[in-house]
Protein backbone atom coordinates (compact mmCIF):
# COMPACT_ATOMS: atom_id res chain seq x y z
CA ALA A 1 0.00 0.00 0.00
CA ARG A 2 1.17 3.51 -0.80
CA PRO A 3 1.60 6.10 1.96
CA ALA A 4 -1.61 8.07 2.43
CA ARG A 5 -1.60 11.82 1.88
CA ALA A 6 -2.54 13.93 4.89
CA ASP A 7 -5.62 15.22 3.04
CA GLY A 8 -6.73 11.70 2.07
CA ALA A 9 -6.15 12.34 -1.64
CA VAL A 10 -4.66 9.72 -3.93
CA ASN A 11 -1.59 10.58 -5.99
CA VAL A 12 -1.94 10.34 -9.76
CA LEU A 13 1.32 10.37 -11.73
CA PHE A 14 1.89 11.42 -15.35
CA VAL A 15 5.33 11.30 -16.98
CA GLY A 16 5.79 12.66 -20.48
CA GLY A 17 8.37 14.95 -22.02
CA ASP A 18 6.10 15.97 -24.92
CA PHE A 19 3.05 17.06 -22.94
CA ALA A 20 0.70 17.59 -25.90
CA ARG A 21 1.49 14.32 -27.72
CA LYS A 22 1.30 12.35 -24.47
CA GLY A 23 -2.26 13.62 -23.89
CA GLY A 24 -1.41 16.06 -21.14
CA GLU A 25 -4.05 18.61 -22.08
CA THR A 26 -6.74 15.92 -22.09
CA LEU A 27 -5.50 14.80 -18.68
CA LEU A 28 -5.78 18.33 -17.29
CA GLN A 29 -9.33 18.64 -18.69
CA ALA A 30 -10.27 15.28 -17.18
CA PHE A 31 -8.73 16.18 -13.84
CA ALA A 32 -10.54 19.53 -13.74
CA GLY A 33 -13.80 17.68 -14.45
CA LEU A 34 -13.56 15.40 -11.41
CA PRO A 35 -16.43 15.79 -8.95
CA PRO A 36 -15.52 17.38 -5.59
CA SER A 37 -16.04 14.01 -3.88
CA VAL A 38 -12.97 12.63 -5.68
CA LYS A 39 -9.88 13.47 -3.67
CA ALA A 40 -6.85 13.34 -5.96
CA HIS A 41 -3.59 15.16 -6.56
CA LEU A 42 -1.98 15.08 -10.01
CA HIS A 43 1.81 15.01 -10.31
CA ILE A 44 3.07 15.90 -13.79
CA VAL A 45 6.64 15.19 -14.84
CA THR A 46 7.36 16.99 -18.11
CA LYS A 47 9.85 19.21 -19.89
CA THR A 48 7.09 21.24 -21.55
CA GLU A 49 6.87 24.82 -20.26
CA GLY A 50 3.66 26.54 -19.16
CA VAL A 51 1.80 23.41 -18.11
CA ALA A 52 -1.06 23.55 -15.58
CA ASN A 53 -0.43 27.14 -14.48
CA GLY A 54 -2.37 27.56 -11.25
CA ALA A 55 -4.46 24.40 -11.64
CA ALA A 56 -5.83 23.16 -8.33
CA ASN A 57 -4.34 19.96 -6.89
CA VAL A 58 -1.70 19.75 -9.63
CA THR A 59 2.05 19.80 -9.11
CA VAL A 60 4.40 20.06 -12.08
CA HIS A 61 7.87 18.57 -11.63
CA ARG A 62 10.52 19.92 -14.00
CA ASP A 63 14.08 18.81 -14.56
CA VAL A 64 13.40 15.30 -13.26
CA ALA A 65 15.92 13.04 -14.96
CA PRO A 66 15.10 9.54 -16.18
CA ASN A 67 15.92 6.89 -13.58
CA SER A 68 16.68 9.58 -10.99
CA GLU A 69 16.01 9.19 -7.29
CA ARG A 70 13.29 11.88 -7.54
CA LEU A 71 11.49 10.05 -10.36
CA ARG A 72 11.66 6.75 -8.47
CA ALA A 73 10.22 8.53 -5.42
CA LEU A 74 7.31 9.88 -7.48
CA PHE A 75 6.53 6.38 -8.73
CA ALA A 76 6.73 5.06 -5.15
CA GLU A 77 4.38 7.79 -3.87
CA ALA A 78 1.84 7.34 -6.68
CA ASP A 79 -1.40 5.40 -6.33
CA PHE A 80 -1.86 5.03 -10.09
CA PHE A 81 -0.41 6.21 -13.38
CA ALA A 82 -2.28 8.18 -16.05
CA PHE A 83 -0.92 8.21 -19.60
CA PRO A 84 -3.61 9.35 -22.09
CA THR A 85 -1.24 9.47 -25.04
CA ARG A 86 -2.26 10.51 -28.52
CA GLY A 87 0.65 8.78 -30.26
CA ASP A 88 3.05 6.22 -28.81
CA CYS A 89 3.93 2.61 -29.59
CA LEU A 90 4.89 1.19 -26.19
CA PRO A 91 6.38 3.92 -23.98
CA LEU A 92 8.92 3.11 -21.32
CA ALA A 93 7.01 5.18 -18.74
CA VAL A 94 4.06 2.77 -18.95
CA MET A 95 6.32 -0.26 -18.49
CA GLU A 96 7.96 1.48 -15.52
CA ALA A 97 4.55 2.16 -13.98
CA LEU A 98 3.49 -1.47 -14.39
CA ALA A 99 6.81 -2.61 -12.89
CA ALA A 100 6.21 -0.25 -9.96
CA GLY A 101 2.91 -2.03 -9.32
CA LEU A 102 0.77 0.90 -10.41
CA PRO A 103 -2.52 0.47 -12.22
CA VAL A 104 -2.29 2.38 -15.50
CA ILE A 105 -4.95 4.44 -17.23
CA THR A 106 -4.02 4.80 -20.87
CA THR A 107 -5.52 5.09 -24.34
CA ASN A 108 -6.28 2.61 -27.08
CA VAL A 109 -3.22 3.65 -29.12
CA ALA A 110 -0.79 1.23 -30.81
CA ALA A 111 0.42 -1.55 -28.45
CA LEU A 112 -0.83 0.08 -25.25
CA PRO A 113 -3.98 -2.09 -24.99
CA GLU A 114 -1.65 -5.12 -25.19
CA ALA A 115 0.57 -3.81 -22.40
CA VAL A 116 -2.32 -2.57 -20.23
CA THR A 117 -5.20 -5.04 -20.17
CA HIS A 118 -8.44 -3.21 -19.46
CA GLY A 119 -9.86 -4.30 -16.12
CA GLU A 120 -6.82 -6.46 -15.29
CA THR A 121 -3.76 -4.19 -15.07
CA GLY A 122 -5.43 -0.86 -15.62
CA LEU A 123 -8.08 0.95 -17.61
CA VAL A 124 -8.00 1.76 -21.33
CA VAL A 125 -9.98 4.75 -22.57
CA PRO A 126 -10.50 6.30 -26.01
CA THR A 127 -7.97 8.86 -27.19
CA ASP A 128 -8.79 12.55 -26.59
CA ASN A 129 -11.85 11.68 -24.49
CA ALA A 130 -11.63 13.81 -21.33
CA LEU A 131 -14.97 12.51 -20.01
CA ALA A 132 -13.96 8.83 -20.23
CA LEU A 133 -10.57 9.68 -18.74
CA SER A 134 -12.20 11.61 -15.89
CA GLU A 135 -14.49 8.67 -15.14
CA ALA A 136 -11.52 6.27 -15.11
CA ILE A 137 -9.57 8.56 -12.77
CA GLY A 138 -12.62 8.84 -10.51
CA THR A 139 -13.04 5.06 -10.46
CA LEU A 140 -9.45 4.37 -9.43
CA ALA A 141 -9.30 7.32 -7.03
CA THR A 142 -12.32 6.11 -5.09
CA ASP A 143 -11.86 2.32 -5.18
CA GLY A 144 -8.84 1.27 -3.14
CA ALA A 145 -9.57 -2.44 -3.53
CA LEU A 146 -9.63 -2.09 -7.32
CA ARG A 147 -6.37 -0.11 -7.27
CA MET A 148 -4.77 -2.84 -5.17
CA ARG A 149 -6.00 -5.66 -7.42
CA LEU A 150 -4.95 -3.91 -10.63
CA GLY A 151 -1.62 -2.85 -9.14
CA LEU A 152 -0.72 -6.40 -8.11
CA ALA A 153 -1.66 -7.68 -11.57
CA ALA A 154 0.33 -4.85 -13.18
CA ARG A 155 3.46 -5.85 -11.28
CA GLN A 156 3.01 -9.52 -12.23
CA ALA A 157 2.45 -8.59 -15.89
CA ALA A 158 5.59 -6.48 -15.92
CA LEU A 159 7.66 -9.26 -14.39
CA SER A 160 6.38 -11.88 -16.80
CA ARG A 161 6.22 -9.83 -20.01
CA PHE A 162 8.77 -7.02 -19.73
CA ASP A 163 11.63 -8.44 -17.67
CA ALA A 164 14.87 -7.90 -19.62
CA ALA A 165 16.65 -11.04 -18.38
CA THR A 166 13.65 -13.26 -19.12
CA ASN A 167 13.09 -11.76 -22.54
CA TYR A 168 16.78 -11.94 -23.40
CA ARG A 169 16.73 -15.69 -22.69
CA ARG A 170 13.57 -16.09 -24.76
CA LEU A 171 15.12 -14.20 -27.66
CA VAL A 172 18.31 -16.26 -27.52
CA ASP A 173 16.23 -19.46 -27.48
CA VAL A 174 14.28 -18.33 -30.55
CA VAL A 175 17.47 -17.49 -32.44
CA LYS A 176 19.05 -20.83 -31.45
CA ASN A 177 15.95 -22.73 -32.60
CA ILE A 178 15.96 -20.93 -35.95
CA ALA A 179 19.67 -21.70 -36.40
CA VAL A 180 19.10 -25.41 -35.61
CA GLU A 181 16.13 -25.57 -38.01
CA ARG A 182 18.15 -24.01 -40.82
CA LYS A 183 21.06 -26.41 -40.23
CA MET A 184 18.69 -29.37 -40.49
CA ARG A 185 17.44 -28.31 -43.94
């Protein structure tokens, strides 16, 4: 379980250097549309300037380096990860969130629905749909049992599908099998 905030709000994390392409504006619209009963704080890690100026319950973190202690701390303090991208294949930030045991809210873009299984490791919403994104954020923010279940499944999925050592061995085995098959011809 993640450490609780003093105000009872859950921490939502977004990491994306290119704020617009990663769906940052849609995320801000969705966050602003949350009902007052949803207690959440959005943490945005981006290089884009002028993001979320004065938005309530939003903190923008600049100059956070990849794999830095500060970024790892933000993942550790988060309750779930929001990544409503408009154009990515399979971003590292999503795999890092899954590995951190965070449920992920993302969009139905490219391979993301394969990495994040809707209802199992997170929630998948349509691209550029602030209402659907707001509903997904509200669902995870208010349902601790669901967050826990999805987070545990996210961690297991990351270990089984995205572990470098495991996948390296699998790749070597495939190459060896192909070489043996070609020799036998």
